[in-house]
Protein backbone atom coordinates (compact mmCIF):
# COMPACT_ATOMS: atom_id res chain seq x y z
CA MET A 1 -0.02 -0.02 -0.06
CA HIS A 2 3.02 2.31 0.10
CA HIS A 3 2.33 3.24 -3.54
CA VAL A 4 -1.07 4.79 -2.75
CA ARG A 5 -1.21 8.22 -1.19
CA ILE A 6 -4.48 9.82 -0.18
CA VAL A 7 -4.25 13.46 0.67
CA SER A 8 -7.05 14.98 2.70
CA GLY A 9 -8.03 18.56 3.02
CA TRP A 10 -9.24 21.40 0.75
CA PHE A 11 -7.31 21.45 -2.51
CA HIS A 12 -6.07 25.03 -2.11
CA GLN A 13 -4.67 24.13 1.31
CA SER A 14 -3.25 20.71 0.71
CA LEU A 15 -1.67 20.93 -2.79
CA PRO A 16 0.91 20.16 -3.81
CA PRO A 17 1.63 17.35 -1.26
CA ARG A 18 5.12 17.49 0.05
CA GLY A 19 7.50 15.09 -1.64
CA LEU A 20 5.19 14.03 -4.42
CA ARG A 21 7.15 13.72 -7.65
CA SER A 22 4.95 11.54 -9.91
CA ILE A 23 1.46 10.21 -10.22
CA SER A 24 0.38 7.11 -12.17
CA MET A 25 -3.35 7.42 -11.54
CA LEU A 26 -5.09 10.70 -10.68
CA ARG A 27 -8.68 10.63 -9.61
CA LEU A 28 -10.21 14.03 -9.01
CA ASP A 29 -13.58 14.70 -7.47
CA GLY A 30 -13.60 18.45 -6.89
CA ASP A 31 -17.21 19.35 -7.99
CA THR A 32 -16.43 23.08 -8.04
CA PHE A 33 -14.46 25.20 -10.47
CA ASN A 34 -11.85 26.16 -7.83
CA GLY A 35 -11.37 22.71 -6.43
CA THR A 36 -11.09 21.02 -9.85
CA TYR A 37 -8.90 23.70 -11.39
CA GLU A 38 -6.44 23.84 -8.44
CA ALA A 39 -6.13 20.05 -8.50
CA LEU A 40 -5.44 20.08 -12.17
CA ARG A 41 -2.93 22.94 -11.88
CA TRP A 42 -0.87 21.27 -9.18
CA LEU A 43 -1.33 17.58 -9.94
CA TYR A 44 -1.77 17.12 -13.71
CA PRO A 45 1.87 18.06 -14.51
CA LEU A 46 2.96 15.24 -12.21
CA VAL A 47 0.98 12.56 -14.03
CA MET A 48 3.34 10.28 -15.88
CA ASP A 49 2.93 9.83 -19.66
CA GLY A 50 0.48 6.94 -20.04
CA GLY A 51 -0.88 7.55 -16.57
CA ILE A 52 -4.68 7.42 -16.05
CA VAL A 53 -6.70 10.50 -15.21
CA TYR A 54 -10.27 10.15 -13.99
CA LEU A 55 -12.09 13.45 -13.71
CA ASP A 56 -15.36 12.99 -11.73
CA ASP A 57 -18.39 15.29 -11.90
CA VAL A 58 -17.40 16.96 -15.16
CA GLY A 59 -20.58 15.72 -16.72
CA SER A 60 -22.87 16.86 -13.92
CA PHE A 61 -21.27 19.94 -12.35
CA LYS A 62 -20.75 22.99 -14.53
CA GLY A 63 -17.90 24.19 -12.35
CA ALA A 64 -15.91 20.99 -12.81
CA HIS A 65 -16.52 21.12 -16.58
CA ALA A 66 -15.49 24.76 -16.74
CA ALA A 67 -12.30 23.99 -14.83
CA MET A 68 -11.40 21.24 -17.33
CA THR A 69 -11.88 23.46 -20.36
CA GLY A 70 -10.25 26.39 -18.58
CA TYR A 71 -7.12 24.32 -17.86
CA PHE A 72 -6.86 22.44 -21.09
CA GLY A 73 -8.61 24.82 -23.46
CA HIS A 74 -11.03 22.08 -24.54
CA SER A 75 -12.88 19.04 -23.32
CA MET A 76 -10.95 15.84 -23.02
CA GLY A 77 -11.29 12.15 -22.55
CA THR A 78 -13.83 9.38 -22.92
CA ARG A 79 -17.25 9.66 -21.31
CA ILE A 80 -18.17 7.16 -18.65
CA LEU A 81 -21.82 6.56 -19.56
CA GLU A 82 -24.73 5.39 -17.34
CA ASP A 83 -26.60 2.19 -18.29
CA ASP A 84 -29.01 4.04 -20.59
CA GLY A 85 -26.06 5.46 -22.55
CA HIS A 86 -27.23 9.03 -22.35
CA TYR A 87 -26.08 10.55 -19.11
CA TYR A 88 -22.45 10.73 -18.10
CA GLU A 89 -20.78 11.70 -14.83
CA ALA A 90 -17.06 11.43 -15.45
CA LEU A 91 -14.35 11.42 -18.07
CA TRP A 92 -11.13 9.48 -18.23
CA TRP A 93 -8.06 9.51 -20.41
CA ARG A 94 -4.41 8.39 -20.45
CA LYS A 95 -1.94 11.32 -20.48
CA GLY A 96 0.07 11.56 -23.65
CA ILE A 97 -2.00 8.96 -25.51
CA VAL A 98 -3.58 10.30 -28.72
CA GLN A 99 -7.30 9.92 -28.73
CA GLU A 100 -10.38 11.60 -30.13
CA TRP A 101 -11.27 14.70 -28.22
CA LEU A 102 -14.93 15.16 -27.39
CA SER A 103 -16.65 18.35 -28.21
CA PHE A 104 -19.54 19.48 -26.03
């Protein structure tokens, strides 16, 4: 379990975590613009090429979606769809891997 590090606290107070040099899987659940944007700003540069990024709430919270497009300049990733195939909550992608970009 020494490869997993959970950092608690508000993003603007706890990021970047001391000593963190690389991330292989980044799962963000910030809901708001500020929380999501700050997490992307501090942590996304540490994600290794080929690392997995899971961005929760980007399909259901306008602030999270605005933070993603504000940080990257566009929407990213593959939608994680609900059973009916219409509603999505989250996006995921692998950093540095070429893929089709979604347009919303």
